[in-house]
């Protein structure tokens, strides 16, 4: 199963997941990016970051992300997104 097939398909699906399921999803996505949270303390209020706070923040973000953003797919045949679209539109006459 590819990561795309394993990913929740909509923002509504994310709302229905338990914290444990979301944690597994988050840890898998981070592992695919080469990020290992296990080097951080589990729960340490004195630390700048710990696993508990990072996972809670990621769950909160996933549950609050509007569906339009969560379901967005870039059109591979469309124009590439740019930081300064006005400058790009002058080049593209669009």
C-alpha atoms as a PDB file:
ATOM      1  CA  UNK A   1       0.000   0.000   0.000  1.00  0.00           C
ATOM      2  CA  UNK A   2       1.440   3.377  -0.978  1.00  0.00           C
ATOM      3  CA  UNK A   3       1.589   6.300   1.519  1.00  0.00           C
ATOM      4  CA  UNK A   4      -1.050   8.064  -0.578  1.00  0.00           C
ATOM      5  CA  UNK A   5      -3.454   5.114  -0.188  1.00  0.00           C
ATOM      6  CA  UNK A   6      -2.746   4.874   3.540  1.00  0.00           C
ATOM      7  CA  UNK A   7      -3.413   8.571   4.115  1.00  0.00           C
ATOM      8  CA  UNK A   8      -6.831   9.749   5.293  1.00  0.00           C
ATOM      9  CA  UNK A   9      -8.824  10.791   2.242  1.00  0.00           C
ATOM     10  CA  UNK A  10     -10.506  13.934   3.611  1.00  0.00           C
ATOM     11  CA  UNK A  11     -10.625  16.342   6.507  1.00  0.00           C
ATOM     12  CA  UNK A  12     -13.811  14.606   7.699  1.00  0.00           C
ATOM     13  CA  UNK A  13     -11.935  11.282   7.866  1.00  0.00           C
ATOM     14  CA  UNK A  14      -9.267  12.896  10.050  1.00  0.00           C
ATOM     15  CA  UNK A  15     -11.937  14.142  12.467  1.00  0.00           C
ATOM     16  CA  UNK A  16     -13.071  10.532  13.019  1.00  0.00           C
ATOM     17  CA  UNK A  17      -9.602   9.135  13.829  1.00  0.00           C
ATOM     18  CA  UNK A  18      -8.548   8.496  17.409  1.00  0.00           C
ATOM     19  CA  UNK A  19      -5.470  10.157  18.897  1.00  0.00           C
ATOM     20  CA  UNK A  20      -3.555   6.873  18.623  1.00  0.00           C
ATOM     21  CA  UNK A  21      -4.435   6.497  14.935  1.00  0.00           C
ATOM     22  CA  UNK A  22      -3.435  10.091  14.207  1.00  0.00           C
ATOM     23  CA  UNK A  23      -0.174   9.622  16.128  1.00  0.00           C
ATOM     24  CA  UNK A  24       0.656   6.579  13.978  1.00  0.00           C
ATOM     25  CA  UNK A  25      -0.152   8.588  10.822  1.00  0.00           C
ATOM     26  CA  UNK A  26       1.969  11.548  11.969  1.00  0.00           C
ATOM     27  CA  UNK A  27       4.921   9.386  13.004  1.00  0.00           C
ATOM     28  CA  UNK A  28       4.788   7.512   9.686  1.00  0.00           C
ATOM     29  CA  UNK A  29       4.735  10.740   7.662  1.00  0.00           C
ATOM     30  CA  UNK A  30       7.612  12.161   9.709  1.00  0.00           C
ATOM     31  CA  UNK A  31       9.608   8.933   9.298  1.00  0.00           C
ATOM     32  CA  UNK A  32       9.130   9.140   5.518  1.00  0.00           C
ATOM     33  CA  UNK A  33      10.621  12.645   5.703  1.00  0.00           C
ATOM     34  CA  UNK A  34      13.542  11.395   7.802  1.00  0.00           C
ATOM     35  CA  UNK A  35      12.363  12.984  11.068  1.00  0.00           C
ATOM     36  CA  UNK A  36      12.797  10.869  14.216  1.00  0.00           C
ATOM     37  CA  UNK A  37      10.908  12.145  17.257  1.00  0.00           C
ATOM     38  CA  UNK A  38      12.355   9.404  19.465  1.00  0.00           C
ATOM     39  CA  UNK A  39      15.453  11.555  20.041  1.00  0.00           C
ATOM     40  CA  UNK A  40      13.258  13.975  22.028  1.00  0.00           C
ATOM     41  CA  UNK A  41      12.099  13.375  25.603  1.00  0.00           C
ATOM     42  CA  UNK A  42       8.637  11.798  25.942  1.00  0.00           C
ATOM     43  CA  UNK A  43       7.230  14.468  28.257  1.00  0.00           C
ATOM     44  CA  UNK A  44       9.464  17.167  29.715  1.00  0.00           C
ATOM     45  CA  UNK A  45       8.021  20.594  30.460  1.00  0.00           C
ATOM     46  CA  UNK A  46      11.533  22.067  30.752  1.00  0.00           C
ATOM     47  CA  UNK A  47      12.545  20.927  27.266  1.00  0.00           C
ATOM     48  CA  UNK A  48      11.967  23.279  24.310  1.00  0.00           C
ATOM     49  CA  UNK A  49      10.102  20.420  22.599  1.00  0.00           C
ATOM     50  CA  UNK A  50       8.976  16.954  23.559  1.00  0.00           C
ATOM     51  CA  UNK A  51       7.162  14.133  21.786  1.00  0.00           C
ATOM     52  CA  UNK A  52       3.858  14.711  23.616  1.00  0.00           C
ATOM     53  CA  UNK A  53       3.647  18.412  22.661  1.00  0.00           C
ATOM     54  CA  UNK A  54       4.734  17.871  19.064  1.00  0.00           C
ATOM     55  CA  UNK A  55       2.182  15.102  18.503  1.00  0.00           C
ATOM     56  CA  UNK A  56      -0.576  17.128  20.215  1.00  0.00           C
ATOM     57  CA  UNK A  57       0.237  20.119  18.012  1.00  0.00           C
ATOM     58  CA  UNK A  58       0.255  18.000  14.838  1.00  0.00           C
ATOM     59  CA  UNK A  59      -3.100  16.380  15.788  1.00  0.00           C
ATOM     60  CA  UNK A  60      -4.600  19.817  16.472  1.00  0.00           C
ATOM     61  CA  UNK A  61      -3.335  21.068  13.092  1.00  0.00           C
ATOM     62  CA  UNK A  62      -4.705  18.062  11.199  1.00  0.00           C
ATOM     63  CA  UNK A  63      -8.097  18.316  12.879  1.00  0.00           C
ATOM     64  CA  UNK A  64      -8.405  22.066  12.267  1.00  0.00           C
ATOM     65  CA  UNK A  65      -7.118  22.226   8.694  1.00  0.00           C
ATOM     66  CA  UNK A  66      -9.970  23.295   6.405  1.00  0.00           C
ATOM     67  CA  UNK A  67     -11.110  20.638   3.956  1.00  0.00           C
ATOM     68  CA  UNK A  68     -10.245  22.833   0.973  1.00  0.00           C
ATOM     69  CA  UNK A  69      -6.592  22.845   2.019  1.00  0.00           C
ATOM     70  CA  UNK A  70      -6.487  19.202   3.106  1.00  0.00           C
ATOM     71  CA  UNK A  71      -8.103  18.009  -0.135  1.00  0.00           C
ATOM     72  CA  UNK A  72      -6.058  20.288  -2.439  1.00  0.00           C
ATOM     73  CA  UNK A  73      -4.214  18.532  -5.234  1.00  0.00           C
ATOM     74  CA  UNK A  74      -1.809  20.345  -7.487  1.00  0.00           C
ATOM     75  CA  UNK A  75      -2.593  20.021 -11.194  1.00  0.00           C
ATOM     76  CA  UNK A  76       0.635  18.669 -12.746  1.00  0.00           C
ATOM     77  CA  UNK A  77      -0.271  20.226 -16.102  1.00  0.00           C
ATOM     78  CA  UNK A  78      -1.127  23.625 -14.621  1.00  0.00           C
ATOM     79  CA  UNK A  79       1.214  26.529 -13.989  1.00  0.00           C
ATOM     80  CA  UNK A  80       3.709  26.108 -11.181  1.00  0.00           C
ATOM     81  CA  UNK A  81       2.820  28.022  -8.005  1.00  0.00           C
ATOM     82  CA  UNK A  82       5.012  31.033  -7.323  1.00  0.00           C
ATOM     83  CA  UNK A  83       5.736  33.223  -4.330  1.00  0.00           C
ATOM     84  CA  UNK A  84       5.239  36.358  -6.388  1.00  0.00           C
ATOM     85  CA  UNK A  85       2.454  35.566  -8.896  1.00  0.00           C
ATOM     86  CA  UNK A  86       2.279  39.111 -10.281  1.00  0.00           C
ATOM     87  CA  UNK A  87       5.831  38.857 -11.598  1.00  0.00           C
ATOM     88  CA  UNK A  88       5.189  35.403 -13.042  1.00  0.00           C
ATOM     89  CA  UNK A  89       1.960  36.505 -14.707  1.00  0.00           C
ATOM     90  CA  UNK A  90       3.873  39.242 -16.538  1.00  0.00           C
ATOM     91  CA  UNK A  91       6.229  36.586 -17.931  1.00  0.00           C
ATOM     92  CA  UNK A  92       3.398  34.264 -18.853  1.00  0.00           C
ATOM     93  CA  UNK A  93       1.094  36.940 -20.252  1.00  0.00           C
ATOM     94  CA  UNK A  94      -1.612  35.636 -17.899  1.00  0.00           C
END
